[in-house]
């Protein structure tokens, strides 16, 4: 299979996503070492997936920390707000 066909096959995307068998991974890695175009395509796929991931990241809701702390306190555990944040309210 020539390089354009290999790239069009979708195997590089599967490689980057980690869904190939060990044998297929070894094949892709051998091909990337011997073919600069394949290696560059792998870099481009990784960069595109990284941009896609970053574009869809969301910050947690502002009230999330308070909600978690409330749930911990309601469990009746010995953790307090101070000990969770790194300072203990208990003495020795």
PDB file of N, CA and C in Angstrom:
ATOM      1  N   UNK A   1       0.860  -1.170   0.000  1.00  0.00           N
ATOM      2  CA  UNK A   1       0.000   0.000   0.000  1.00  0.00           C
ATOM      3  C   UNK A   1       0.905   1.232   0.000  1.00  0.00           C
ATOM      4  N   UNK A   2       0.633   2.157  -0.903  1.00  0.00           N
ATOM      5  CA  UNK A   2       1.467   3.356  -0.939  1.00  0.00           C
ATOM      6  C   UNK A   2       1.045   4.325   0.173  1.00  0.00           C
ATOM      7  N   UNK A   3       1.837   5.352   0.377  1.00  0.00           N
ATOM      8  CA  UNK A   3       1.627   6.272   1.499  1.00  0.00           C
ATOM      9  C   UNK A   3       0.258   6.949   1.485  1.00  0.00           C
ATOM     10  N   UNK A   4      -0.203   7.521   0.365  1.00  0.00           N
ATOM     11  CA  UNK A   4      -1.536   8.137   0.385  1.00  0.00           C
ATOM     12  C   UNK A   4      -2.650   7.141   0.750  1.00  0.00           C
ATOM     13  N   UNK A   5      -2.561   5.925   0.234  1.00  0.00           N
ATOM     14  CA  UNK A   5      -3.564   4.907   0.575  1.00  0.00           C
ATOM     15  C   UNK A   5      -3.483   4.542   2.056  1.00  0.00           C
ATOM     16  N   UNK A   6      -2.274   4.433   2.568  1.00  0.00           N
ATOM     17  CA  UNK A   6      -2.061   4.087   3.972  1.00  0.00           C
ATOM     18  C   UNK A   6      -2.678   5.157   4.871  1.00  0.00           C
ATOM     19  N   UNK A   7      -2.430   6.408   4.546  1.00  0.00           N
ATOM     20  CA  UNK A   7      -2.988   7.515   5.324  1.00  0.00           C
ATOM     21  C   UNK A   7      -4.512   7.530   5.214  1.00  0.00           C
ATOM     22  N   UNK A   8      -5.034   7.332   4.005  1.00  0.00           N
ATOM     23  CA  UNK A   8      -6.486   7.354   3.787  1.00  0.00           C
ATOM     24  C   UNK A   8      -7.196   6.179   4.450  1.00  0.00           C
ATOM     25  N   UNK A   9      -6.462   5.135   4.794  1.00  0.00           N
ATOM     26  CA  UNK A   9      -7.087   3.945   5.387  1.00  0.00           C
ATOM     27  C   UNK A   9      -7.676   4.200   6.768  1.00  0.00           C
ATOM     28  N   UNK A  10      -7.216   5.256   7.439  1.00  0.00           N
ATOM     29  CA  UNK A  10      -7.717   5.559   8.778  1.00  0.00           C
ATOM     30  C   UNK A  10      -6.915   4.916   9.889  1.00  0.00           C
ATOM     31  N   UNK A  11      -5.913   4.139   9.533  1.00  0.00           N
ATOM     32  CA  UNK A  11      -5.132   3.450  10.562  1.00  0.00           C
ATOM     33  C   UNK A  11      -4.365   4.421  11.452  1.00  0.00           C
ATOM     34  N   UNK A  12      -3.962   5.557  10.917  1.00  0.00           N
ATOM     35  CA  UNK A  12      -3.206   6.506  11.734  1.00  0.00           C
ATOM     36  C   UNK A  12      -4.086   7.135  12.811  1.00  0.00           C
ATOM     37  N   UNK A  13      -5.327   7.415  12.473  1.00  0.00           N
ATOM     38  CA  UNK A  13      -6.259   7.942  13.473  1.00  0.00           C
ATOM     39  C   UNK A  13      -6.485   6.907  14.575  1.00  0.00           C
ATOM     40  N   UNK A  14      -6.644   5.656  14.180  1.00  0.00           N
ATOM     41  CA  UNK A  14      -6.827   4.585  15.164  1.00  0.00           C
ATOM     42  C   UNK A  14      -5.585   4.427  16.031  1.00  0.00           C
ATOM     43  N   UNK A  15      -4.429   4.587  15.433  1.00  0.00           N
ATOM     44  CA  UNK A  15      -3.166   4.524  16.175  1.00  0.00           C
ATOM     45  C   UNK A  15      -3.119   5.625  17.234  1.00  0.00           C
ATOM     46  N   UNK A  16      -3.414   6.848  16.828  1.00  0.00           N
ATOM     47  CA  UNK A  16      -3.362   7.982  17.751  1.00  0.00           C
ATOM     48  C   UNK A  16      -4.374   7.813  18.881  1.00  0.00           C
ATOM     49  N   UNK A  17      -5.519   7.226  18.579  1.00  0.00           N
ATOM     50  CA  UNK A  17      -6.547   7.022  19.604  1.00  0.00           C
ATOM     51  C   UNK A  17      -6.284   5.791  20.466  1.00  0.00           C
ATOM     52  N   UNK A  18      -5.263   5.013  20.120  1.00  0.00           N
ATOM     53  CA  UNK A  18      -4.890   3.871  20.946  1.00  0.00           C
ATOM     54  C   UNK A  18      -5.775   2.653  20.810  1.00  0.00           C
ATOM     55  N   UNK A  19      -6.371   2.457  19.648  1.00  0.00           N
ATOM     56  CA  UNK A  19      -7.306   1.340  19.484  1.00  0.00           C
ATOM     57  C   UNK A  19      -6.761   0.186  18.653  1.00  0.00           C
ATOM     58  N   UNK A  20      -5.492   0.227  18.295  1.00  0.00           N
ATOM     59  CA  UNK A  20      -4.915  -0.830  17.466  1.00  0.00           C
ATOM     60  C   UNK A  20      -4.343  -1.961  18.315  1.00  0.00           C
ATOM     61  N   UNK A  21      -4.184  -3.109  17.684  1.00  0.00           N
ATOM     62  CA  UNK A  21      -3.521  -4.239  18.335  1.00  0.00           C
ATOM     63  C   UNK A  21      -2.023  -3.941  18.429  1.00  0.00           C
ATOM     64  N   UNK A  22      -1.318  -4.717  19.231  1.00  0.00           N
ATOM     65  CA  UNK A  22       0.127  -4.520  19.361  1.00  0.00           C
ATOM     66  C   UNK A  22       0.838  -4.690  18.023  1.00  0.00           C
ATOM     67  N   UNK A  23       0.385  -5.637  17.243  1.00  0.00           N
ATOM     68  CA  UNK A  23       0.979  -5.868  15.921  1.00  0.00           C
ATOM     69  C   UNK A  23       0.762  -4.662  15.007  1.00  0.00           C
ATOM     70  N   UNK A  24      -0.448  -4.113  15.025  1.00  0.00           N
ATOM     71  CA  UNK A  24      -0.749  -2.945  14.191  1.00  0.00           C
ATOM     72  C   UNK A  24       0.035  -1.721  14.655  1.00  0.00           C
ATOM     73  N   UNK A  25       0.172  -1.568  15.976  1.00  0.00           N
ATOM     74  CA  UNK A  25       0.957  -0.453  16.518  1.00  0.00           C
ATOM     75  C   UNK A  25       2.396  -0.539  16.020  1.00  0.00           C
ATOM     76  N   UNK A  26       2.968  -1.729  16.101  1.00  0.00           N
ATOM     77  CA  UNK A  26       4.346  -1.923  15.640  1.00  0.00           C
ATOM     78  C   UNK A  26       4.468  -1.596  14.157  1.00  0.00           C
ATOM     79  N   UNK A  27       3.476  -1.985  13.375  1.00  0.00           N
ATOM     80  CA  UNK A  27       3.498  -1.704  11.936  1.00  0.00           C
ATOM     81  C   UNK A  27       3.467  -0.200  11.671  1.00  0.00           C
ATOM     82  N   UNK A  28       2.578   0.507  12.358  1.00  0.00           N
ATOM     83  CA  UNK A  28       2.482   1.961  12.177  1.00  0.00           C
ATOM     84  C   UNK A  28       3.792   2.625  12.591  1.00  0.00           C
ATOM     85  N   UNK A  29       4.356   2.201  13.707  1.00  0.00           N
ATOM     86  CA  UNK A  29       5.585   2.819  14.182  1.00  0.00           C
ATOM     87  C   UNK A  29       6.757   2.551  13.241  1.00  0.00           C
ATOM     88  N   UNK A  30       6.820   1.352  12.672  1.00  0.00           N
ATOM     89  CA  UNK A  30       7.859   1.063  11.668  1.00  0.00           C
ATOM     90  C   UNK A  30       7.683   1.963  10.449  1.00  0.00           C
ATOM     91  N   UNK A  31       6.448   2.101  10.038  1.00  0.00           N
ATOM     92  CA  UNK A  31       6.152   2.927   8.856  1.00  0.00           C
ATOM     93  C   UNK A  31       6.498   4.391   9.126  1.00  0.00           C
ATOM     94  N   UNK A  32       6.199   4.869  10.334  1.00  0.00           N
ATOM     95  CA  UNK A  32       6.489   6.263  10.681  1.00  0.00           C
ATOM     96  C   UNK A  32       7.989   6.536  10.711  1.00  0.00           C
ATOM     97  N   UNK A  33       8.774   5.546  11.118  1.00  0.00           N
ATOM     98  CA  UNK A  33      10.230   5.708  11.143  1.00  0.00           C
ATOM     99  C   UNK A  33      10.788   5.795   9.726  1.00  0.00           C
ATOM    100  N   UNK A  34      10.213   5.022   8.834  1.00  0.00           N
ATOM    101  CA  UNK A  34      10.759   4.962   7.474  1.00  0.00           C
ATOM    102  C   UNK A  34      10.103   5.938   6.497  1.00  0.00           C
ATOM    103  N   UNK A  35       9.005   6.579   6.908  1.00  0.00           N
ATOM    104  CA  UNK A  35       8.274   7.463   5.994  1.00  0.00           C
ATOM    105  C   UNK A  35       7.944   8.770   6.708  1.00  0.00           C
ATOM    106  N   UNK A  36       8.657   9.823   6.354  1.00  0.00           N
ATOM    107  CA  UNK A  36       8.481  11.114   7.001  1.00  0.00           C
ATOM    108  C   UNK A  36       7.059  11.654   6.828  1.00  0.00           C
ATOM    109  N   UNK A  37       6.414  11.322   5.740  1.00  0.00           N
ATOM    110  CA  UNK A  37       5.039  11.790   5.502  1.00  0.00           C
ATOM    111  C   UNK A  37       4.087  11.149   6.508  1.00  0.00           C
ATOM    112  N   UNK A  38       4.263   9.877   6.782  1.00  0.00           N
ATOM    113  CA  UNK A  38       3.433   9.187   7.780  1.00  0.00           C
ATOM    114  C   UNK A  38       3.692   9.779   9.164  1.00  0.00           C
ATOM    115  N   UNK A  39       4.949  10.006   9.496  1.00  0.00           N
ATOM    116  CA  UNK A  39       5.285  10.592  10.799  1.00  0.00           C
ATOM    117  C   UNK A  39       4.650  11.967  10.960  1.00  0.00           C
ATOM    118  N   UNK A  40       4.701  12.782   9.914  1.00  0.00           N
ATOM    119  CA  UNK A  40       4.099  14.116   9.967  1.00  0.00           C
ATOM    120  C   UNK A  40       2.581  14.022  10.093  1.00  0.00           C
ATOM    121  N   UNK A  41       1.978  13.089   9.407  1.00  0.00           N
ATOM    122  CA  UNK A  41       0.525  12.906   9.496  1.00  0.00           C
ATOM    123  C   UNK A  41       0.119  12.532  10.920  1.00  0.00           C
ATOM    124  N   UNK A  42       0.900  11.688  11.571  1.00  0.00           N
ATOM    125  CA  UNK A  42       0.622  11.322  12.964  1.00  0.00           C
ATOM    126  C   UNK A  42       0.687  12.562  13.849  1.00  0.00           C
ATOM    127  N   UNK A  43       1.706  13.393  13.660  1.00  0.00           N
ATOM    128  CA  UNK A  43       1.809  14.641  14.437  1.00  0.00           C
ATOM    129  C   UNK A  43       0.598  15.540  14.196  1.00  0.00           C
ATOM    130  N   UNK A  44       0.177  15.645  12.950  1.00  0.00           N
ATOM    131  CA  UNK A  44      -0.977  16.493  12.623  1.00  0.00           C
ATOM    132  C   UNK A  44      -2.264  15.952  13.243  1.00  0.00           C
ATOM    133  N   UNK A  45      -2.438  14.651  13.229  1.00  0.00           N
ATOM    134  CA  UNK A  45      -3.634  14.045  13.834  1.00  0.00           C
ATOM    135  C   UNK A  45      -3.638  14.306  15.335  1.00  0.00           C
ATOM    136  N   UNK A  46      -2.492  14.116  15.980  1.00  0.00           N
ATOM    137  CA  UNK A  46      -2.397  14.379  17.427  1.00  0.00           C
ATOM    138  C   UNK A  46      -2.728  15.837  17.734  1.00  0.00           C
ATOM    139  N   UNK A  47      -2.200  16.750  16.940  1.00  0.00           N
ATOM    140  CA  UNK A  47      -2.456  18.175  17.154  1.00  0.00           C
ATOM    141  C   UNK A  47      -3.933  18.497  16.962  1.00  0.00           C
ATOM    142  N   UNK A  48      -4.545  17.922  15.941  1.00  0.00           N
ATOM    143  CA  UNK A  48      -5.969  18.165  15.683  1.00  0.00           C
ATOM    144  C   UNK A  48      -6.829  17.630  16.822  1.00  0.00           C
ATOM    145  N   UNK A  49      -6.513  16.442  17.315  1.00  0.00           N
ATOM    146  CA  UNK A  49      -7.285  15.879  18.427  1.00  0.00           C
ATOM    147  C   UNK A  49      -7.087  16.692  19.698  1.00  0.00           C
ATOM    148  N   UNK A  50      -5.892  17.206  19.898  1.00  0.00           N
ATOM    149  CA  UNK A  50      -5.626  18.053  21.056  1.00  0.00           C
ATOM    150  C   UNK A  50      -6.444  19.343  20.985  1.00  0.00           C
ATOM    151  N   UNK A  51      -6.483  19.946  19.801  1.00  0.00           N
ATOM    152  CA  UNK A  51      -7.293  21.169  19.634  1.00  0.00           C
ATOM    153  C   UNK A  51      -8.767  20.876  19.854  1.00  0.00           C
ATOM    154  N   UNK A  52      -9.230  19.758  19.357  1.00  0.00           N
ATOM    155  CA  UNK A  52     -10.629  19.371  19.535  1.00  0.00           C
ATOM    156  C   UNK A  52     -10.945  19.176  21.008  1.00  0.00           C
ATOM    157  N   UNK A  53     -10.052  18.509  21.722  1.00  0.00           N
ATOM    158  CA  UNK A  53     -10.237  18.288  23.152  1.00  0.00           C
ATOM    159  C   UNK A  53     -10.296  19.615  23.903  1.00  0.00           C
ATOM    160  N   UNK A  54      -9.382  20.511  23.598  1.00  0.00           N
ATOM    161  CA  UNK A  54      -9.348  21.807  24.269  1.00  0.00           C
ATOM    162  C   UNK A  54     -10.584  22.638  23.953  1.00  0.00           C
ATOM    163  N   UNK A  55     -11.089  22.529  22.753  1.00  0.00           N
ATOM    164  CA  UNK A  55     -12.267  23.302  22.359  1.00  0.00           C
ATOM    165  C   UNK A  55     -13.517  22.852  23.105  1.00  0.00           C
ATOM    166  N   UNK A  56     -13.525  21.611  23.562  1.00  0.00           N
ATOM    167  CA  UNK A  56     -14.709  21.077  24.227  1.00  0.00           C
ATOM    168  C   UNK A  56     -14.563  20.953  25.739  1.00  0.00           C
ATOM    169  N   UNK A  57     -13.470  21.456  26.288  1.00  0.00           N
ATOM    170  CA  UNK A  57     -13.312  21.426  27.736  1.00  0.00           C
ATOM    171  C   UNK A  57     -14.198  22.490  28.357  1.00  0.00           C
ATOM    172  N   UNK A  58     -14.759  22.132  29.484  1.00  0.00           N
ATOM    173  CA  UNK A  58     -15.584  23.089  30.214  1.00  0.00           C
ATOM    174  C   UNK A  58     -15.055  23.200  31.631  1.00  0.00           C
ATOM    175  N   UNK A  59     -15.089  24.409  32.145  1.00  0.00           N
ATOM    176  CA  UNK A  59     -14.702  24.618  33.534  1.00  0.00           C
ATOM    177  C   UNK A  59     -15.822  24.084  34.426  1.00  0.00           C
ATOM    178  N   UNK A  60     -15.475  23.562  35.590  1.00  0.00           N
ATOM    179  CA  UNK A  60     -16.524  23.084  36.492  1.00  0.00           C
ATOM    180  C   UNK A  60     -17.390  24.249  36.969  1.00  0.00           C
ATOM    181  N   UNK A  61     -18.605  23.929  37.314  1.00  0.00           N
ATOM    182  CA  UNK A  61     -19.512  24.954  37.840  1.00  0.00           C
ATOM    183  C   UNK A  61     -18.874  25.609  39.064  1.00  0.00           C
ATOM    184  N   UNK A  62     -19.140  26.871  39.254  1.00  0.00           N
ATOM    185  CA  UNK A  62     -18.555  27.619  40.364  1.00  0.00           C
ATOM    186  C   UNK A  62     -18.933  27.019  41.717  1.00  0.00           C
ATOM    187  N   UNK A  63     -20.104  26.447  41.809  1.00  0.00           N
ATOM    188  CA  UNK A  63     -20.563  25.920  43.096  1.00  0.00           C
ATOM    189  C   UNK A  63     -20.123  24.477  43.348  1.00  0.00           C
ATOM    190  N   UNK A  64     -19.323  23.907  42.476  1.00  0.00           N
ATOM    191  CA  UNK A  64     -18.924  22.509  42.622  1.00  0.00           C
ATOM    192  C   UNK A  64     -18.158  22.252  43.912  1.00  0.00           C
ATOM    193  N   UNK A  65     -17.179  23.087  44.254  1.00  0.00           N
ATOM    194  CA  UNK A  65     -16.395  22.872  45.469  1.00  0.00           C
ATOM    195  C   UNK A  65     -17.290  22.895  46.699  1.00  0.00           C
ATOM    196  N   UNK A  66     -18.182  23.864  46.777  1.00  0.00           N
ATOM    197  CA  UNK A  66     -19.089  23.952  47.923  1.00  0.00           C
ATOM    198  C   UNK A  66     -19.974  22.715  48.003  1.00  0.00           C
ATOM    199  N   UNK A  67     -20.429  22.241  46.867  1.00  0.00           N
ATOM    200  CA  UNK A  67     -21.267  21.047  46.830  1.00  0.00           C
ATOM    201  C   UNK A  67     -20.504  19.817  47.324  1.00  0.00           C
ATOM    202  N   UNK A  68     -19.262  19.677  46.909  1.00  0.00           N
ATOM    203  CA  UNK A  68     -18.441  18.546  47.350  1.00  0.00           C
ATOM    204  C   UNK A  68     -18.175  18.634  48.847  1.00  0.00           C
ATOM    205  N   UNK A  69     -17.818  19.808  49.324  1.00  0.00           N
ATOM    206  CA  UNK A  69     -17.552  19.980  50.754  1.00  0.00           C
ATOM    207  C   UNK A  69     -18.796  19.674  51.577  1.00  0.00           C
ATOM    208  N   UNK A  70     -19.942  20.107  51.103  1.00  0.00           N
ATOM    209  CA  UNK A  70     -21.193  19.834  51.802  1.00  0.00           C
ATOM    210  C   UNK A  70     -21.471  18.337  51.859  1.00  0.00           C
ATOM    211  N   UNK A  71     -21.233  17.645  50.762  1.00  0.00           N
ATOM    212  CA  UNK A  71     -21.450  16.199  50.728  1.00  0.00           C
ATOM    213  C   UNK A  71     -20.514  15.488  51.697  1.00  0.00           C
ATOM    214  N   UNK A  72     -19.268  15.938  51.778  1.00  0.00           N
ATOM    215  CA  UNK A  72     -18.310  15.336  52.710  1.00  0.00           C
ATOM    216  C   UNK A  72     -18.770  15.553  54.143  1.00  0.00           C
ATOM    217  N   UNK A  73     -19.178  16.765  54.455  1.00  0.00           N
ATOM    218  CA  UNK A  73     -19.623  17.072  55.813  1.00  0.00           C
ATOM    219  C   UNK A  73     -20.888  16.299  56.168  1.00  0.00           C
ATOM    220  N   UNK A  74     -21.778  16.110  55.209  1.00  0.00           N
ATOM    221  CA  UNK A  74     -23.015  15.376  55.460  1.00  0.00           C
ATOM    222  C   UNK A  74     -22.782  13.885  55.666  1.00  0.00           C
ATOM    223  N   UNK A  75     -21.660  13.365  55.205  1.00  0.00           N
ATOM    224  CA  UNK A  75     -21.316  11.958  55.404  1.00  0.00           C
ATOM    225  C   UNK A  75     -20.937  11.695  56.852  1.00  0.00           C
ATOM    226  N   UNK A  76     -20.695  12.733  57.620  1.00  0.00           N
ATOM    227  CA  UNK A  76     -20.343  12.562  59.019  1.00  0.00           C
ATOM    228  C   UNK A  76     -18.888  12.209  59.237  1.00  0.00           C
ATOM    229  N   UNK A  77     -18.094  12.408  58.204  1.00  0.00           N
ATOM    230  CA  UNK A  77     -16.666  12.114  58.311  1.00  0.00           C
ATOM    231  C   UNK A  77     -15.977  13.120  59.211  1.00  0.00           C
ATOM    232  N   UNK A  78     -14.742  12.830  59.570  1.00  0.00           N
ATOM    233  CA  UNK A  78     -14.004  13.722  60.448  1.00  0.00           C
ATOM    234  C   UNK A  78     -13.322  14.850  59.686  1.00  0.00           C
ATOM    235  N   UNK A  79     -13.448  14.850  58.388  1.00  0.00           N
ATOM    236  CA  UNK A  79     -12.808  15.896  57.594  1.00  0.00           C
ATOM    237  C   UNK A  79     -13.557  17.208  57.761  1.00  0.00           C
ATOM    238  N   UNK A  80     -12.826  18.248  57.941  1.00  0.00           N
ATOM    239  CA  UNK A  80     -13.430  19.577  58.012  1.00  0.00           C
ATOM    240  C   UNK A  80     -12.957  20.377  56.814  1.00  0.00           C
ATOM    241  N   UNK A  81     -13.559  21.518  56.596  1.00  0.00           N
ATOM    242  CA  UNK A  81     -13.139  22.374  55.489  1.00  0.00           C
ATOM    243  C   UNK A  81     -11.653  22.699  55.599  1.00  0.00           C
ATOM    244  N   UNK A  82     -11.188  22.961  56.809  1.00  0.00           N
ATOM    245  CA  UNK A  82      -9.800  23.339  56.994  1.00  0.00           C
ATOM    246  C   UNK A  82      -8.860  22.181  56.678  1.00  0.00           C
ATOM    247  N   UNK A  83      -9.202  20.973  57.128  1.00  0.00           N
ATOM    248  CA  UNK A  83      -8.286  19.855  56.888  1.00  0.00           C
ATOM    249  C   UNK A  83      -8.269  19.469  55.419  1.00  0.00           C
ATOM    250  N   UNK A  84      -9.374  19.624  54.725  1.00  0.00           N
ATOM    251  CA  UNK A  84      -9.413  19.325  53.302  1.00  0.00           C
ATOM    252  C   UNK A  84      -8.556  20.324  52.537  1.00  0.00           C
ATOM    253  N   UNK A  85      -8.578  21.574  52.946  1.00  0.00           N
ATOM    254  CA  UNK A  85      -7.831  22.594  52.215  1.00  0.00           C
ATOM    255  C   UNK A  85      -6.357  22.619  52.587  1.00  0.00           C
ATOM    256  N   UNK A  86      -5.945  21.784  53.541  1.00  0.00           N
ATOM    257  CA  UNK A  86      -4.529  21.689  53.855  1.00  0.00           C
ATOM    258  C   UNK A  86      -4.146  22.249  55.206  1.00  0.00           C
ATOM    259  N   UNK A  87      -5.076  22.868  55.925  1.00  0.00           N
ATOM    260  CA  UNK A  87      -4.781  23.354  57.267  1.00  0.00           C
ATOM    261  C   UNK A  87      -5.706  22.666  58.234  1.00  0.00           C
ATOM    262  N   UNK A  88      -5.170  22.166  59.293  1.00  0.00           N
ATOM    263  CA  UNK A  88      -5.970  21.410  60.253  1.00  0.00           C
ATOM    264  C   UNK A  88      -6.530  22.332  61.314  1.00  0.00           C
ATOM    265  N   UNK A  89      -7.784  22.089  61.677  1.00  0.00           N
ATOM    266  CA  UNK A  89      -8.393  22.869  62.746  1.00  0.00           C
ATOM    267  C   UNK A  89      -8.241  22.155  64.077  1.00  0.00           C
ATOM    268  N   UNK A  90      -7.675  20.946  64.053  1.00  0.00           N
ATOM    269  CA  UNK A  90      -7.474  20.177  65.278  1.00  0.00           C
ATOM    270  C   UNK A  90      -6.089  20.461  65.843  1.00  0.00           C
ATOM    271  N   UNK A  91      -5.989  20.432  67.135  1.00  0.00           N
ATOM    272  CA  UNK A  91      -4.667  20.588  67.742  1.00  0.00           C
ATOM    273  C   UNK A  91      -4.169  19.232  68.189  1.00  0.00           C
ATOM    274  N   UNK A  92      -2.824  18.971  67.963  1.00  0.00           N
ATOM    275  CA  UNK A  92      -2.049  17.822  68.259  1.00  0.00           C
ATOM    276  C   UNK A  92      -2.642  16.660  68.799  1.00  0.00           C
TER     277      UNK A  92
END
